[in-house]
Amino acid sequence: MNKKREDEIPVVMGSDNIFKDLGFPEPEETLAKAELIHQISLIIKKRKLTQEQVSKLLKLPQPKVSLLLRGRVTGFSTDRLLRFLNALNCDVEIRIRLPQSRRKRHGRIAVTMD
């Protein structure tokens, strides 16, 4: 019995970038910013810092700290997020790799933490 049920929701395989799948402008940059914010949040959580302490460290009003910790990517440039990491005593290294083949049309941005 292969009859499709009317209430069945079709499943579509997405890419590795939810922002691209949702049609965001600049999805690669948005994903990188989201990953930077995630790393910042993990560092803050690991150090058990309060929002007030983070506010002082990052020189950021507490309501903006709240937005940052809730993953709000708008309002925070990539450069600003990198400076936040520096303020949290993290070194930031940007690595550029040449493509291995000419097939790849666009490069990608990735955020990793040691």
PDB file of N, CA and C in Angstrom:
ATOM      1  N   MET A   1       0.844  -1.172   0.000  1.00  0.00           N
ATOM      2  CA  MET A   1       0.000   0.000   0.000  1.00  0.00           C
ATOM      3  C   MET A   1       0.893   1.240   0.000  1.00  0.00           C
ATOM      4  N   ASN A   2       1.099   1.863  -1.152  1.00  0.00           N
ATOM      5  CA  ASN A   2       1.961   3.021  -1.305  1.00  0.00           C
ATOM      6  C   ASN A   2       1.194   4.321  -1.437  1.00  0.00           C
ATOM      7  N   LYS A   3      -0.046   4.333  -0.995  1.00  0.00           N
ATOM      8  CA  LYS A   3      -0.840   5.544  -1.110  1.00  0.00           C
ATOM      9  C   LYS A   3      -0.298   6.605  -0.150  1.00  0.00           C
ATOM     10  N   LYS A   4      -0.035   7.795  -0.705  1.00  0.00           N
ATOM     11  CA  LYS A   4       0.517   8.890   0.094  1.00  0.00           C
ATOM     12  C   LYS A   4      -0.598   9.516   0.924  1.00  0.00           C
ATOM     13  N   ARG A   5      -0.314   9.687   2.211  1.00  0.00           N
ATOM     14  CA  ARG A   5      -1.289  10.309   3.098  1.00  0.00           C
ATOM     15  C   ARG A   5      -1.338  11.805   2.844  1.00  0.00           C
ATOM     16  N   GLU A   6      -2.508  12.385   2.928  1.00  0.00           N
ATOM     17  CA  GLU A   6      -2.682  13.812   2.669  1.00  0.00           C
ATOM     18  C   GLU A   6      -1.990  14.685   3.707  1.00  0.00           C
ATOM     19  N   ASP A   7      -1.878  14.215   4.937  1.00  0.00           N
ATOM     20  CA  ASP A   7      -1.284  15.025   5.996  1.00  0.00           C
ATOM     21  C   ASP A   7       0.229  14.820   6.117  1.00  0.00           C
ATOM     22  N   GLU A   8       0.804  14.038   5.215  1.00  0.00           N
ATOM     23  CA  GLU A   8       2.242  13.780   5.253  1.00  0.00           C
ATOM     24  C   GLU A   8       3.003  15.024   4.791  1.00  0.00           C
ATOM     25  N   ILE A   9       4.021  15.388   5.531  1.00  0.00           N
ATOM     26  CA  ILE A   9       4.827  16.564   5.210  1.00  0.00           C
ATOM     27  C   ILE A   9       6.011  16.124   4.357  1.00  0.00           C
ATOM     28  N   PRO A  10       6.205  16.777   3.206  1.00  0.00           N
ATOM     29  CA  PRO A  10       7.345  16.398   2.371  1.00  0.00           C
ATOM     30  C   PRO A  10       8.660  16.802   3.050  1.00  0.00           C
ATOM     31  N   VAL A  11       9.654  15.967   2.894  1.00  0.00           N
ATOM     32  CA  VAL A  11      10.965  16.225   3.471  1.00  0.00           C
ATOM     33  C   VAL A  11      11.919  16.614   2.356  1.00  0.00           C
ATOM     34  N   VAL A  12      12.643  17.713   2.578  1.00  0.00           N
ATOM     35  CA  VAL A  12      13.602  18.200   1.599  1.00  0.00           C
ATOM     36  C   VAL A  12      14.967  18.227   2.276  1.00  0.00           C
ATOM     37  N   MET A  13      15.958  17.642   1.626  1.00  0.00           N
ATOM     38  CA  MET A  13      17.311  17.639   2.170  1.00  0.00           C
ATOM     39  C   MET A  13      17.914  19.025   2.022  1.00  0.00           C
ATOM     40  N   GLY A  14      18.414  19.576   3.120  1.00  0.00           N
ATOM     41  CA  GLY A  14      19.009  20.903   3.106  1.00  0.00           C
ATOM     42  C   GLY A  14      20.507  20.834   2.861  1.00  0.00           C
ATOM     43  N   SER A  15      21.109  22.009   2.794  1.00  0.00           N
ATOM     44  CA  SER A  15      22.560  22.095   2.632  1.00  0.00           C
ATOM     45  C   SER A  15      23.200  22.079   4.015  1.00  0.00           C
ATOM     46  N   ASP A  16      24.483  22.373   4.082  1.00  0.00           N
ATOM     47  CA  ASP A  16      25.156  22.450   5.374  1.00  0.00           C
ATOM     48  C   ASP A  16      25.069  23.863   5.957  1.00  0.00           C
ATOM     49  N   ASN A  17      24.262  24.728   5.347  1.00  0.00           N
ATOM     50  CA  ASN A  17      24.105  26.094   5.821  1.00  0.00           C
ATOM     51  C   ASN A  17      22.618  26.439   5.893  1.00  0.00           C
ATOM     52  N   ILE A  18      22.084  26.457   7.110  1.00  0.00           N
ATOM     53  CA  ILE A  18      20.662  26.734   7.306  1.00  0.00           C
ATOM     54  C   ILE A  18      20.281  28.121   6.791  1.00  0.00           C
ATOM     55  N   PHE A  19      21.220  29.063   6.884  1.00  0.00           N
ATOM     56  CA  PHE A  19      20.932  30.424   6.430  1.00  0.00           C
ATOM     57  C   PHE A  19      20.767  30.468   4.907  1.00  0.00           C
ATOM     58  N   LYS A  20      21.513  29.643   4.213  1.00  0.00           N
ATOM     59  CA  LYS A  20      21.357  29.532   2.759  1.00  0.00           C
ATOM     60  C   LYS A  20      20.011  28.902   2.430  1.00  0.00           C
ATOM     61  N   ASP A  21      19.673  27.849   3.172  1.00  0.00           N
ATOM     62  CA  ASP A  21      18.412  27.148   2.946  1.00  0.00           C
ATOM     63  C   ASP A  21      17.203  28.060   3.180  1.00  0.00           C
ATOM     64  N   LEU A  22      17.348  28.999   4.119  1.00  0.00           N
ATOM     65  CA  LEU A  22      16.248  29.904   4.434  1.00  0.00           C
ATOM     66  C   LEU A  22      16.244  31.164   3.581  1.00  0.00           C
ATOM     67  N   GLY A  23      17.237  31.297   2.686  1.00  0.00           N
ATOM     68  CA  GLY A  23      17.269  32.415   1.757  1.00  0.00           C
ATOM     69  C   GLY A  23      17.837  33.706   2.325  1.00  0.00           C
ATOM     70  N   PHE A  24      18.652  33.591   3.373  1.00  0.00           N
ATOM     71  CA  PHE A  24      19.274  34.789   3.934  1.00  0.00           C
ATOM     72  C   PHE A  24      20.242  35.401   2.931  1.00  0.00           C
ATOM     73  N   PRO A  25      20.330  36.750   2.912  1.00  0.00           N
ATOM     74  CA  PRO A  25      21.386  37.360   2.104  1.00  0.00           C
ATOM     75  C   PRO A  25      22.718  37.096   2.812  1.00  0.00           C
ATOM     76  N   GLU A  26      23.785  36.899   2.068  1.00  0.00           N
ATOM     77  CA  GLU A  26      25.109  36.630   2.650  1.00  0.00           C
ATOM     78  C   GLU A  26      25.081  35.450   3.627  1.00  0.00           C
ATOM     79  N   PRO A  27      24.614  34.291   3.208  1.00  0.00           N
ATOM     80  CA  PRO A  27      24.475  33.167   4.146  1.00  0.00           C
ATOM     81  C   PRO A  27      25.797  32.662   4.722  1.00  0.00           C
ATOM     82  N   GLU A  28      26.884  32.730   3.958  1.00  0.00           N
ATOM     83  CA  GLU A  28      28.180  32.266   4.474  1.00  0.00           C
ATOM     84  C   GLU A  28      28.638  33.150   5.632  1.00  0.00           C
ATOM     85  N   GLU A  29      28.522  34.465   5.455  1.00  0.00           N
ATOM     86  CA  GLU A  29      28.918  35.390   6.518  1.00  0.00           C
ATOM     87  C   GLU A  29      28.018  35.230   7.738  1.00  0.00           C
ATOM     88  N   THR A  30      26.729  35.063   7.511  1.00  0.00           N
ATOM     89  CA  THR A  30      25.789  34.896   8.621  1.00  0.00           C
ATOM     90  C   THR A  30      26.107  33.628   9.403  1.00  0.00           C
ATOM     91  N   LEU A  31      26.427  32.549   8.713  1.00  0.00           N
ATOM     92  CA  LEU A  31      26.799  31.305   9.389  1.00  0.00           C
ATOM     93  C   LEU A  31      28.087  31.488  10.188  1.00  0.00           C
ATOM     94  N   ALA A  32      29.071  32.164   9.623  1.00  0.00           N
ATOM     95  CA  ALA A  32      30.330  32.410  10.335  1.00  0.00           C
ATOM     96  C   ALA A  32      30.071  33.235  11.598  1.00  0.00           C
ATOM     97  N   LYS A  33      29.237  34.258  11.495  1.00  0.00           N
ATOM     98  CA  LYS A  33      28.908  35.077  12.660  1.00  0.00           C
ATOM     99  C   LYS A  33      28.196  34.243  13.715  1.00  0.00           C
ATOM    100  N   ALA A  34      27.282  33.385  13.291  1.00  0.00           N
ATOM    101  CA  ALA A  34      26.575  32.521  14.241  1.00  0.00           C
ATOM    102  C   ALA A  34      27.555  31.582  14.945  1.00  0.00           C
ATOM    103  N   GLU A  35      28.526  31.060  14.210  1.00  0.00           N
ATOM    104  CA  GLU A  35      29.520  30.174  14.813  1.00  0.00           C
ATOM    105  C   GLU A  35      30.431  30.942  15.775  1.00  0.00           C
ATOM    106  N   LEU A  36      30.796  32.173  15.427  1.00  0.00           N
ATOM    107  CA  LEU A  36      31.593  32.999  16.338  1.00  0.00           C
ATOM    108  C   LEU A  36      30.821  33.285  17.622  1.00  0.00           C
ATOM    109  N   ILE A  37      29.559  33.637  17.481  1.00  0.00           N
ATOM    110  CA  ILE A  37      28.717  33.897  18.648  1.00  0.00           C
ATOM    111  C   ILE A  37      28.596  32.645  19.508  1.00  0.00           C
ATOM    112  N   HIS A  38      28.467  31.499  18.877  1.00  0.00           N
ATOM    113  CA  HIS A  38      28.387  30.242  19.623  1.00  0.00           C
ATOM    114  C   HIS A  38      29.659  30.021  20.443  1.00  0.00           C
ATOM    115  N   GLN A  39      30.818  30.253  19.829  1.00  0.00           N
ATOM    116  CA  GLN A  39      32.081  30.084  20.547  1.00  0.00           C
ATOM    117  C   GLN A  39      32.195  31.087  21.698  1.00  0.00           C
ATOM    118  N   ILE A  40      31.802  32.332  21.467  1.00  0.00           N
ATOM    119  CA  ILE A  40      31.815  33.344  22.525  1.00  0.00           C
ATOM    120  C   ILE A  40      30.931  32.896  23.687  1.00  0.00           C
ATOM    121  N   SER A  41      29.757  32.401  23.365  1.00  0.00           N
ATOM    122  CA  SER A  41      28.821  31.930  24.399  1.00  0.00           C
ATOM    123  C   SER A  41      29.409  30.770  25.198  1.00  0.00           C
ATOM    124  N   LEU A  42      30.072  29.849  24.510  1.00  0.00           N
ATOM    125  CA  LEU A  42      30.692  28.717  25.203  1.00  0.00           C
ATOM    126  C   LEU A  42      31.791  29.179  26.160  1.00  0.00           C
ATOM    127  N   ILE A  43      32.591  30.136  25.724  1.00  0.00           N
ATOM    128  CA  ILE A  43      33.667  30.671  26.569  1.00  0.00           C
ATOM    129  C   ILE A  43      33.079  31.339  27.811  1.00  0.00           C
ATOM    130  N   ILE A  44      32.042  32.134  27.614  1.00  0.00           N
ATOM    131  CA  ILE A  44      31.398  32.833  28.728  1.00  0.00           C
ATOM    132  C   ILE A  44      30.808  31.831  29.710  1.00  0.00           C
ATOM    133  N   LYS A  45      30.168  30.807  29.179  1.00  0.00           N
ATOM    134  CA  LYS A  45      29.562  29.779  30.027  1.00  0.00           C
ATOM    135  C   LYS A  45      30.640  29.003  30.792  1.00  0.00           C
ATOM    136  N   LYS A  46      31.713  28.640  30.098  1.00  0.00           N
ATOM    137  CA  LYS A  46      32.798  27.884  30.721  1.00  0.00           C
ATOM    138  C   LYS A  46      33.435  28.687  31.857  1.00  0.00           C
ATOM    139  N   ARG A  47      33.568  29.989  31.665  1.00  0.00           N
ATOM    140  CA  ARG A  47      34.173  30.854  32.686  1.00  0.00           C
ATOM    141  C   ARG A  47      33.170  31.301  33.749  1.00  0.00           C
ATOM    142  N   LYS A  48      31.909  30.911  33.570  1.00  0.00           N
ATOM    143  CA  LYS A  48      30.838  31.237  34.513  1.00  0.00           C
ATOM    144  C   LYS A  48      30.734  32.744  34.759  1.00  0.00           C
ATOM    145  N   LEU A  49      30.805  33.500  33.682  1.00  0.00           N
ATOM    146  CA  LEU A  49      30.707  34.954  33.758  1.00  0.00           C
ATOM    147  C   LEU A  49      29.248  35.377  33.748  1.00  0.00           C
ATOM    148  N   THR A  50      28.941  36.402  34.519  1.00  0.00           N
ATOM    149  CA  THR A  50      27.591  36.963  34.494  1.00  0.00           C
ATOM    150  C   THR A  50      27.481  37.928  33.315  1.00  0.00           C
ATOM    151  N   GLN A  51      26.259  38.259  32.949  1.00  0.00           N
ATOM    152  CA  GLN A  51      26.070  39.230  31.865  1.00  0.00           C
ATOM    153  C   GLN A  51      26.674  40.577  32.244  1.00  0.00           C
ATOM    154  N   GLU A  52      26.635  40.930  33.518  1.00  0.00           N
ATOM    155  CA  GLU A  52      27.231  42.188  33.968  1.00  0.00           C
ATOM    156  C   GLU A  52      28.751  42.159  33.778  1.00  0.00           C
ATOM    157  N   GLN A  53      29.382  41.043  34.112  1.00  0.00           N
ATOM    158  CA  GLN A  53      30.828  40.914  33.914  1.00  0.00           C
ATOM    159  C   GLN A  53      31.180  40.961  32.431  1.00  0.00           C
ATOM    160  N   VAL A  54      30.381  40.285  31.614  1.00  0.00           N
ATOM    161  CA  VAL A  54      30.608  40.272  30.167  1.00  0.00           C
ATOM    162  C   VAL A  54      30.442  41.687  29.607  1.00  0.00           C
ATOM    163  N   SER A  55      29.453  42.402  30.112  1.00  0.00           N
ATOM    164  CA  SER A  55      29.204  43.771  29.680  1.00  0.00           C
ATOM    165  C   SER A  55      30.447  44.640  29.887  1.00  0.00           C
ATOM    166  N   LYS A  56      31.076  44.495  31.025  1.00  0.00           N
ATOM    167  CA  LYS A  56      32.279  45.277  31.330  1.00  0.00           C
ATOM    168  C   LYS A  56      33.459  44.835  30.467  1.00  0.00           C
ATOM    169  N   LEU A  57      33.629  43.527  30.334  1.00  0.00           N
ATOM    170  CA  LEU A  57      34.740  42.994  29.527  1.00  0.00           C
ATOM    171  C   LEU A  57      34.651  43.417  28.067  1.00  0.00           C
ATOM    172  N   LEU A  58      33.461  43.332  27.509  1.00  0.00           N
ATOM    173  CA  LEU A  58      33.275  43.604  26.088  1.00  0.00           C
ATOM    174  C   LEU A  58      32.923  45.063  25.804  1.00  0.00           C
ATOM    175  N   LYS A  59      32.769  45.848  26.886  1.00  0.00           N
ATOM    176  CA  LYS A  59      32.358  47.252  26.743  1.00  0.00           C
ATOM    177  C   LYS A  59      31.078  47.342  25.907  1.00  0.00           C
ATOM    178  N   LEU A  60      30.089  46.574  26.364  1.00  0.00           N
ATOM    179  CA  LEU A  60      28.838  46.409  25.644  1.00  0.00           C
ATOM    180  C   LEU A  60      27.692  46.544  26.648  1.00  0.00           C
ATOM    181  N   PRO A  61      26.658  47.321  26.352  1.00  0.00           N
ATOM    182  CA  PRO A  61      25.532  47.414  27.283  1.00  0.00           C
ATOM    183  C   PRO A  61      24.916  46.032  27.548  1.00  0.00           C
ATOM    184  N   GLN A  62      24.452  45.824  28.755  1.00  0.00           N
ATOM    185  CA  GLN A  62      23.910  44.516  29.138  1.00  0.00           C
ATOM    186  C   GLN A  62      22.812  44.017  28.205  1.00  0.00           C
ATOM    187  N   PRO A  63      21.880  44.865  27.753  1.00  0.00           N
ATOM    188  CA  PRO A  63      20.864  44.349  26.824  1.00  0.00           C
ATOM    189  C   PRO A  63      21.480  43.773  25.534  1.00  0.00           C
ATOM    190  N   LYS A  64      22.582  44.368  25.067  1.00  0.00           N
ATOM    191  CA  LYS A  64      23.263  43.835  23.875  1.00  0.00           C
ATOM    192  C   LYS A  64      23.947  42.508  24.195  1.00  0.00           C
ATOM    193  N   VAL A  65      24.458  42.375  25.419  1.00  0.00           N
ATOM    194  CA  VAL A  65      25.050  41.097  25.848  1.00  0.00           C
ATOM    195  C   VAL A  65      23.976  40.014  25.804  1.00  0.00           C
ATOM    196  N   SER A  66      22.794  40.366  26.272  1.00  0.00           N
ATOM    197  CA  SER A  66      21.673  39.416  26.248  1.00  0.00           C
ATOM    198  C   SER A  66      21.360  38.979  24.815  1.00  0.00           C
ATOM    199  N   LEU A  67      21.315  39.943  23.890  1.00  0.00           N
ATOM    200  CA  LEU A  67      21.055  39.617  22.482  1.00  0.00           C
ATOM    201  C   LEU A  67      22.154  38.706  21.930  1.00  0.00           C
ATOM    202  N   LEU A  68      23.399  39.039  22.263  1.00  0.00           N
ATOM    203  CA  LEU A  68      24.544  38.240  21.809  1.00  0.00           C
ATOM    204  C   LEU A  68      24.425  36.801  22.301  1.00  0.00           C
ATOM    205  N   LEU A  69      24.128  36.637  23.582  1.00  0.00           N
ATOM    206  CA  LEU A  69      24.058  35.297  24.163  1.00  0.00           C
ATOM    207  C   LEU A  69      22.831  34.509  23.703  1.00  0.00           C
ATOM    208  N   ARG A  70      21.864  35.212  23.139  1.00  0.00           N
ATOM    209  CA  ARG A  70      20.700  34.529  22.568  1.00  0.00           C
ATOM    210  C   ARG A  70      20.883  34.246  21.084  1.00  0.00           C
ATOM    211  N   GLY A  71      22.102  34.551  20.577  1.00  0.00           N
ATOM    212  CA  GLY A  71      22.424  34.186  19.201  1.00  0.00           C
ATOM    213  C   GLY A  71      22.015  35.183  18.146  1.00  0.00           C
ATOM    214  N   ARG A  72      21.735  36.411  18.519  1.00  0.00           N
ATOM    215  CA  ARG A  72      21.325  37.423  17.554  1.00  0.00           C
ATOM    216  C   ARG A  72      22.526  37.848  16.717  1.00  0.00           C
ATOM    217  N   VAL A  73      22.524  37.538  15.431  1.00  0.00           N
ATOM    218  CA  VAL A  73      23.669  37.864  14.573  1.00  0.00           C
ATOM    219  C   VAL A  73      23.594  39.273  14.001  1.00  0.00           C
ATOM    220  N   THR A  74      22.381  39.810  13.871  1.00  0.00           N
ATOM    221  CA  THR A  74      22.273  41.169  13.341  1.00  0.00           C
ATOM    222  C   THR A  74      22.742  42.155  14.412  1.00  0.00           C
ATOM    223  N   GLY A  75      23.420  43.190  13.967  1.00  0.00           N
ATOM    224  CA  GLY A  75      23.910  44.180  14.913  1.00  0.00           C
ATOM    225  C   GLY A  75      25.334  43.931  15.377  1.00  0.00           C
ATOM    226  N   PHE A  76      25.906  42.788  14.988  1.00  0.00           N
ATOM    227  CA  PHE A  76      27.278  42.462  15.356  1.00  0.00           C
ATOM    228  C   PHE A  76      28.049  42.112  14.087  1.00  0.00           C
ATOM    229  N   SER A  77      29.040  42.926  13.763  1.00  0.00           N
ATOM    230  CA  SER A  77      29.863  42.630  12.590  1.00  0.00           C
ATOM    231  C   SER A  77      30.849  41.516  12.933  1.00  0.00           C
ATOM    232  N   THR A  78      31.371  40.887  11.914  1.00  0.00           N
ATOM    233  CA  THR A  78      32.387  39.851  12.123  1.00  0.00           C
ATOM    234  C   THR A  78      33.587  40.443  12.846  1.00  0.00           C
ATOM    235  N   ASP A  79      33.996  41.629  12.444  1.00  0.00           N
ATOM    236  CA  ASP A  79      35.133  42.299  13.077  1.00  0.00           C
ATOM    237  C   ASP A  79      34.878  42.514  14.571  1.00  0.00           C
ATOM    238  N   ARG A  80      33.689  42.942  14.897  1.00  0.00           N
ATOM    239  CA  ARG A  80      33.340  43.188  16.306  1.00  0.00           C
ATOM    240  C   ARG A  80      33.358  41.887  17.104  1.00  0.00           C
ATOM    241  N   LEU A  81      32.867  40.819  16.523  1.00  0.00           N
ATOM    242  CA  LEU A  81      32.868  39.528  17.212  1.00  0.00           C
ATOM    243  C   LEU A  81      34.296  39.039  17.456  1.00  0.00           C
ATOM    244  N   LEU A  82      35.186  39.295  16.494  1.00  0.00           N
ATOM    245  CA  LEU A  82      36.589  38.926  16.675  1.00  0.00           C
ATOM    246  C   LEU A  82      37.212  39.736  17.813  1.00  0.00           C
ATOM    247  N   ARG A  83      36.853  41.006  17.900  1.00  0.00           N
ATOM    248  CA  ARG A  83      37.352  41.836  19.013  1.00  0.00           C
ATOM    249  C   ARG A  83      36.810  41.350  20.353  1.00  0.00           C
ATOM    250  N   PHE A  84      35.567  40.866  20.373  1.00  0.00           N
ATOM    251  CA  PHE A  84      35.015  40.292  21.609  1.00  0.00           C
ATOM    252  C   PHE A  84      35.845  39.092  22.049  1.00  0.00           C
ATOM    253  N   LEU A  85      36.227  38.255  21.099  1.00  0.00           N
ATOM    254  CA  LEU A  85      37.060  37.101  21.432  1.00  0.00           C
ATOM    255  C   LEU A  85      38.400  37.546  22.006  1.00  0.00           C
ATOM    256  N   ASN A  86      38.988  38.583  21.429  1.00  0.00           N
ATOM    257  CA  ASN A  86      40.242  39.127  21.971  1.00  0.00           C
ATOM    258  C   ASN A  86      40.031  39.647  23.395  1.00  0.00           C
ATOM    259  N   ALA A  87      38.927  40.324  23.633  1.00  0.00           N
ATOM    260  CA  ALA A  87      38.628  40.849  24.969  1.00  0.00           C
ATOM    261  C   ALA A  87      38.454  39.719  25.980  1.00  0.00           C
ATOM    262  N   LEU A  88      38.067  38.543  25.488  1.00  0.00           N
ATOM    263  CA  LEU A  88      37.936  37.355  26.344  1.00  0.00           C
ATOM    264  C   LEU A  88      39.250  36.576  26.418  1.00  0.00           C
ATOM    265  N   ASN A  89      40.344  37.234  26.030  1.00  0.00           N
ATOM    266  CA  ASN A  89      41.705  36.661  26.067  1.00  0.00           C
ATOM    267  C   ASN A  89      41.912  35.503  25.108  1.00  0.00           C
ATOM    268  N   CYS A  90      41.209  35.507  24.004  1.00  0.00           N
ATOM    269  CA  CYS A  90      41.384  34.471  22.985  1.00  0.00           C
ATOM    270  C   CYS A  90      42.210  35.038  21.834  1.00  0.00           C
ATOM    271  N   ASP A  91      43.106  34.225  21.332  1.00  0.00           N
ATOM    272  CA  ASP A  91      43.814  34.580  20.112  1.00  0.00           C
ATOM    273  C   ASP A  91      42.938  34.159  18.939  1.00  0.00           C
ATOM    274  N   VAL A  92      42.902  34.975  17.925  1.00  0.00           N
ATOM    275  CA  VAL A  92      42.129  34.666  16.722  1.00  0.00           C
ATOM    276  C   VAL A  92      43.104  34.555  15.565  1.00  0.00           C
ATOM    277  N   GLU A  93      43.034  33.454  14.864  1.00  0.00           N
ATOM    278  CA  GLU A  93      43.898  33.220  13.710  1.00  0.00           C
ATOM    279  C   GLU A  93      43.024  33.029  12.487  1.00  0.00           C
ATOM    280  N   ILE A  94      43.333  33.760  11.445  1.00  0.00           N
ATOM    281  CA  ILE A  94      42.590  33.618  10.193  1.00  0.00           C
ATOM    282  C   ILE A  94      43.500  32.888   9.219  1.00  0.00           C
ATOM    283  N   ARG A  95      43.021  31.770   8.717  1.00  0.00           N
ATOM    284  CA  ARG A  95      43.816  30.946   7.809  1.00  0.00           C
ATOM    285  C   ARG A  95      43.159  30.942   6.437  1.00  0.00           C
ATOM    286  N   ILE A  96      43.963  31.178   5.431  1.00  0.00           N
ATOM    287  CA  ILE A  96      43.464  31.178   4.055  1.00  0.00           C
ATOM    288  C   ILE A  96      44.093  29.998   3.330  1.00  0.00           C
ATOM    289  N   ARG A  97      43.244  29.180   2.716  1.00  0.00           N
ATOM    290  CA  ARG A  97      43.742  28.024   1.969  1.00  0.00           C
ATOM    291  C   ARG A  97      43.382  28.168   0.506  1.00  0.00           C
ATOM    292  N   LEU A  98      44.336  27.864  -0.339  1.00  0.00           N
ATOM    293  CA  LEU A  98      44.076  27.853  -1.773  1.00  0.00           C
ATOM    294  C   LEU A  98      43.276  26.608  -2.119  1.00  0.00           C
ATOM    295  N   PRO A  99      42.405  26.705  -3.109  1.00  0.00           N
ATOM    296  CA  PRO A  99      41.600  25.539  -3.486  1.00  0.00           C
ATOM    297  C   PRO A  99      42.473  24.413  -4.030  1.00  0.00           C
ATOM    298  N   GLN A 100      42.066  23.178  -3.742  1.00  0.00           N
ATOM    299  CA  GLN A 100      42.786  22.013  -4.224  1.00  0.00           C
ATOM    300  C   GLN A 100      42.489  21.730  -5.696  1.00  0.00           C
ATOM    301  N   SER A 101      41.322  22.157  -6.129  1.00  0.00           N
ATOM    302  CA  SER A 101      40.966  21.957  -7.540  1.00  0.00           C
ATOM    303  C   SER A 101      40.199  23.183  -8.025  1.00  0.00           C
ATOM    304  N   ARG A 102      40.060  23.278  -9.311  1.00  0.00           N
ATOM    305  CA  ARG A 102      39.334  24.419  -9.886  1.00  0.00           C
ATOM    306  C   ARG A 102      37.825  24.170  -9.941  1.00  0.00           C
ATOM    307  N   ARG A 103      37.383  22.992  -9.578  1.00  0.00           N
ATOM    308  CA  ARG A 103      35.959  22.667  -9.622  1.00  0.00           C
ATOM    309  C   ARG A 103      35.140  23.498  -8.640  1.00  0.00           C
ATOM    310  N   LYS A 104      35.717  23.783  -7.510  1.00  0.00           N
ATOM    311  CA  LYS A 104      35.010  24.507  -6.473  1.00  0.00           C
ATOM    312  C   LYS A 104      34.773  25.947  -6.920  1.00  0.00           C
ATOM    313  N   ARG A 105      33.534  26.368  -6.968  1.00  0.00           N
ATOM    314  CA  ARG A 105      33.210  27.702  -7.468  1.00  0.00           C
ATOM    315  C   ARG A 105      33.431  28.784  -6.418  1.00  0.00           C
ATOM    316  N   HIS A 106      33.047  28.502  -5.188  1.00  0.00           N
ATOM    317  CA  HIS A 106      33.166  29.498  -4.126  1.00  0.00           C
ATOM    318  C   HIS A 106      33.888  28.876  -2.947  1.00  0.00           C
ATOM    319  N   GLY A 107      34.672  29.701  -2.269  1.00  0.00           N
ATOM    320  CA  GLY A 107      35.296  29.256  -1.028  1.00  0.00           C
ATOM    321  C   GLY A 107      34.261  29.250   0.086  1.00  0.00           C
ATOM    322  N   ARG A 108      34.656  28.821   1.246  1.00  0.00           N
ATOM    323  CA  ARG A 108      33.731  28.809   2.365  1.00  0.00           C
ATOM    324  C   ARG A 108      34.417  29.400   3.577  1.00  0.00           C
ATOM    325  N   ILE A 109      33.627  29.774   4.545  1.00  0.00           N
ATOM    326  CA  ILE A 109      34.131  30.329   5.794  1.00  0.00           C
ATOM    327  C   ILE A 109      33.791  29.318   6.887  1.00  0.00           C
ATOM    328  N   ALA A 110      34.767  29.010   7.722  1.00  0.00           N
ATOM    329  CA  ALA A 110      34.541  28.074   8.816  1.00  0.00           C
ATOM    330  C   ALA A 110      35.140  28.636  10.101  1.00  0.00           C
ATOM    331  N   VAL A 111      34.494  28.362  11.197  1.00  0.00           N
ATOM    332  CA  VAL A 111      34.996  28.781  12.501  1.00  0.00           C
ATOM    333  C   VAL A 111      35.272  27.516  13.305  1.00  0.00           C
ATOM    334  N   THR A 112      36.484  27.399  13.807  1.00  0.00           N
ATOM    335  CA  THR A 112      36.849  26.252  14.646  1.00  0.00           C
ATOM    336  C   THR A 112      37.544  26.771  15.893  1.00  0.00           C
ATOM    337  N   MET A 113      37.588  25.937  16.924  1.00  0.00           N
ATOM    338  CA  MET A 113      38.250  26.343  18.154  1.00  0.00           C
ATOM    339  C   MET A 113      39.115  25.209  18.631  1.00  0.00           C
ATOM    340  N   ASP A 114      40.345  25.545  19.026  1.00  0.00           N
ATOM    341  CA  ASP A 114      41.270  24.544  19.567  1.00  0.00           C
ATOM    342  C   ASP A 114      40.973  24.269  21.016  1.00  0.00           C
TER     343      ASP A 114
END
